């Protein structure tokens, strides 16, 4: 009986990890104004092909207002940038779609330079909008 409960618990935890949303996986690193800031999230999409997801992600990045959108099929990534302050200091975005079994794991990283600030809720919404474009 203890074995069955332990096994069920492990399956429940594994299922929760697979069902994790972009919002749940969102993380921020860096010190505001003192260092560069990185905003990251990831999500897995079952029964998907990386090449198809990658094209959809590039369209979603463009729809979010990023410039210089480039697809690198060899790396299965989308790179883009934006310049919003008028200072010429850009913020960069990288989206990677990796085949993982029958599904695809998508990772998004948005970086801003030291001295720049933004609202993490706005960044989270933008990253998750891009992620939603993979569906």
Protein backbone atom coordinates (compact mmCIF):
# COMPACT_ATOMS: atom_id res chain seq x y z
CA UNK A 1 0.00 0.00 0.00
CA UNK A 2 2.82 2.42 0.87
CA UNK A 3 4.43 1.67 -2.50
CA UNK A 4 1.17 2.43 -4.34
CA UNK A 5 0.77 5.75 -2.52
CA UNK A 6 4.39 6.71 -3.20
CA UNK A 7 4.05 5.79 -6.88
CA UNK A 8 0.82 7.78 -7.18
CA UNK A 9 2.52 10.77 -5.53
CA UNK A 10 5.41 10.64 -8.00
CA UNK A 11 3.03 10.40 -10.95
CA UNK A 12 1.07 13.37 -9.62
CA UNK A 13 4.24 15.45 -9.29
CA UNK A 14 5.43 14.46 -12.78
CA UNK A 15 2.04 15.37 -14.25
CA UNK A 16 2.11 18.75 -12.54
CA UNK A 17 5.54 19.49 -14.01
CA UNK A 18 4.30 18.71 -17.52
CA UNK A 19 1.20 20.85 -17.09
CA UNK A 20 3.15 23.87 -15.81
CA UNK A 21 2.12 27.10 -17.49
CA UNK A 22 4.18 29.97 -18.80
CA UNK A 23 3.02 32.10 -15.87
CA UNK A 24 4.02 29.44 -13.33
CA UNK A 25 7.47 28.99 -14.89
CA UNK A 26 8.24 32.73 -15.12
CA UNK A 27 11.51 33.75 -13.39
CA UNK A 28 13.48 36.99 -13.13
CA UNK A 29 17.21 37.29 -12.45
CA UNK A 30 19.49 40.28 -12.00
CA UNK A 31 19.46 43.43 -9.86
CA UNK A 32 17.26 46.28 -11.17
CA UNK A 33 19.32 49.30 -12.34
CA UNK A 34 22.57 47.67 -11.15
CA UNK A 35 22.91 44.75 -13.58
CA UNK A 36 21.33 43.32 -16.69
CA UNK A 37 17.96 41.66 -16.07
CA UNK A 38 16.79 38.37 -17.58
CA UNK A 39 13.15 37.39 -17.74
CA UNK A 40 12.62 33.71 -18.55
CA UNK A 41 9.84 31.21 -18.90
CA UNK A 42 9.21 27.85 -20.53
CA UNK A 43 6.33 25.60 -21.41
CA UNK A 44 5.88 22.20 -23.02
CA UNK A 45 3.45 21.56 -25.85
CA UNK A 46 2.43 17.91 -26.32
CA UNK A 47 2.01 16.37 -29.77
CA UNK A 48 3.80 19.16 -31.63
CA UNK A 49 6.66 19.49 -34.13
CA UNK A 50 9.44 21.98 -33.41
CA UNK A 51 9.57 23.27 -37.01
CA UNK A 52 5.85 24.11 -37.02
CA UNK A 53 5.95 25.64 -33.54
CA UNK A 54 9.01 27.72 -34.47
CA UNK A 55 7.20 29.43 -37.36
CA UNK A 56 4.20 30.22 -35.14
CA UNK A 57 6.51 31.61 -32.45
CA UNK A 58 8.23 33.92 -34.96
CA UNK A 59 4.84 35.30 -35.96
CA UNK A 60 3.91 35.82 -32.30
CA UNK A 61 7.21 37.65 -31.65
CA UNK A 62 6.50 39.95 -34.57
CA UNK A 63 2.94 40.54 -33.34
CA UNK A 64 4.35 41.63 -29.94
CA UNK A 65 6.20 44.47 -31.69
CA UNK A 66 9.75 43.15 -31.86
CA UNK A 67 12.07 44.13 -34.72
CA UNK A 68 14.76 42.20 -36.54
CA UNK A 69 12.94 38.88 -36.16
CA UNK A 70 15.23 36.11 -37.42
CA UNK A 71 14.62 32.37 -37.47
CA UNK A 72 17.64 30.09 -37.10
CA UNK A 73 16.42 26.64 -38.16
CA UNK A 74 19.72 24.97 -37.21
CA UNK A 75 19.34 26.15 -33.60
CA UNK A 76 15.53 25.99 -33.70
CA UNK A 77 15.44 29.54 -32.37
CA UNK A 78 13.95 32.96 -33.00
CA UNK A 79 16.00 36.06 -32.18
CA UNK A 80 14.60 39.58 -32.08
CA UNK A 81 15.15 42.95 -30.44
CA UNK A 82 13.36 46.13 -29.47
CA UNK A 83 14.49 49.64 -28.66
CA UNK A 84 11.90 51.52 -26.64
CA UNK A 85 13.76 54.26 -24.76
CA UNK A 86 15.19 56.28 -27.64
CA UNK A 87 18.67 55.73 -26.20
CA UNK A 88 19.71 53.19 -28.81
CA UNK A 89 20.18 50.54 -26.12
CA UNK A 90 18.34 47.45 -27.28
CA UNK A 91 16.54 44.72 -25.41
CA UNK A 92 16.97 41.22 -26.83
CA UNK A 93 14.63 38.27 -27.06
CA UNK A 94 15.45 34.64 -27.80
CA UNK A 95 12.85 31.91 -28.21
CA UNK A 96 13.95 28.28 -28.56
CA UNK A 97 11.68 25.38 -29.56
CA UNK A 98 13.23 21.97 -28.81
CA UNK A 99 11.73 18.65 -29.78
CA UNK A 100 11.18 16.59 -26.65
CA UNK A 101 9.74 13.20 -27.53
CA UNK A 102 6.35 13.71 -29.18
CA UNK A 103 6.15 17.28 -27.89
CA UNK A 104 8.06 20.55 -27.94
CA UNK A 105 9.59 22.53 -25.09
CA UNK A 106 9.64 26.28 -25.68
CA UNK A 107 12.01 28.53 -23.72
CA UNK A 108 11.81 32.33 -23.90
CA UNK A 109 14.48 34.72 -22.58
CA UNK A 110 14.07 38.51 -22.63
CA UNK A 111 17.11 40.56 -21.58
CA UNK A 112 17.39 44.23 -20.71
CA UNK A 113 20.64 46.06 -20.09
CA UNK A 114 21.94 47.43 -16.80
CA UNK A 115 20.28 50.74 -15.99
CA UNK A 116 17.05 49.85 -17.76
CA UNK A 117 13.88 49.02 -15.86
CA UNK A 118 10.53 47.53 -16.73
CA UNK A 119 7.46 46.11 -15.03
CA UNK A 120 7.83 42.34 -14.65
CA UNK A 121 4.05 41.86 -15.02
CA UNK A 122 4.20 43.49 -18.47
CA UNK A 123 7.16 41.31 -19.47
CA UNK A 124 5.45 38.17 -18.16
CA UNK A 125 2.32 38.99 -20.17
CA UNK A 126 4.37 39.58 -23.33
CA UNK A 127 6.40 36.40 -22.93
CA UNK A 128 3.28 34.36 -22.26
CA UNK A 129 1.52 35.93 -25.27
CA UNK A 130 4.44 34.78 -27.41
CA UNK A 131 4.30 31.33 -25.82
CA UNK A 132 0.54 31.14 -26.50
CA UNK A 133 1.31 31.71 -30.18
CA UNK A 134 2.81 28.22 -30.30
CA UNK A 135 -0.63 26.61 -30.01
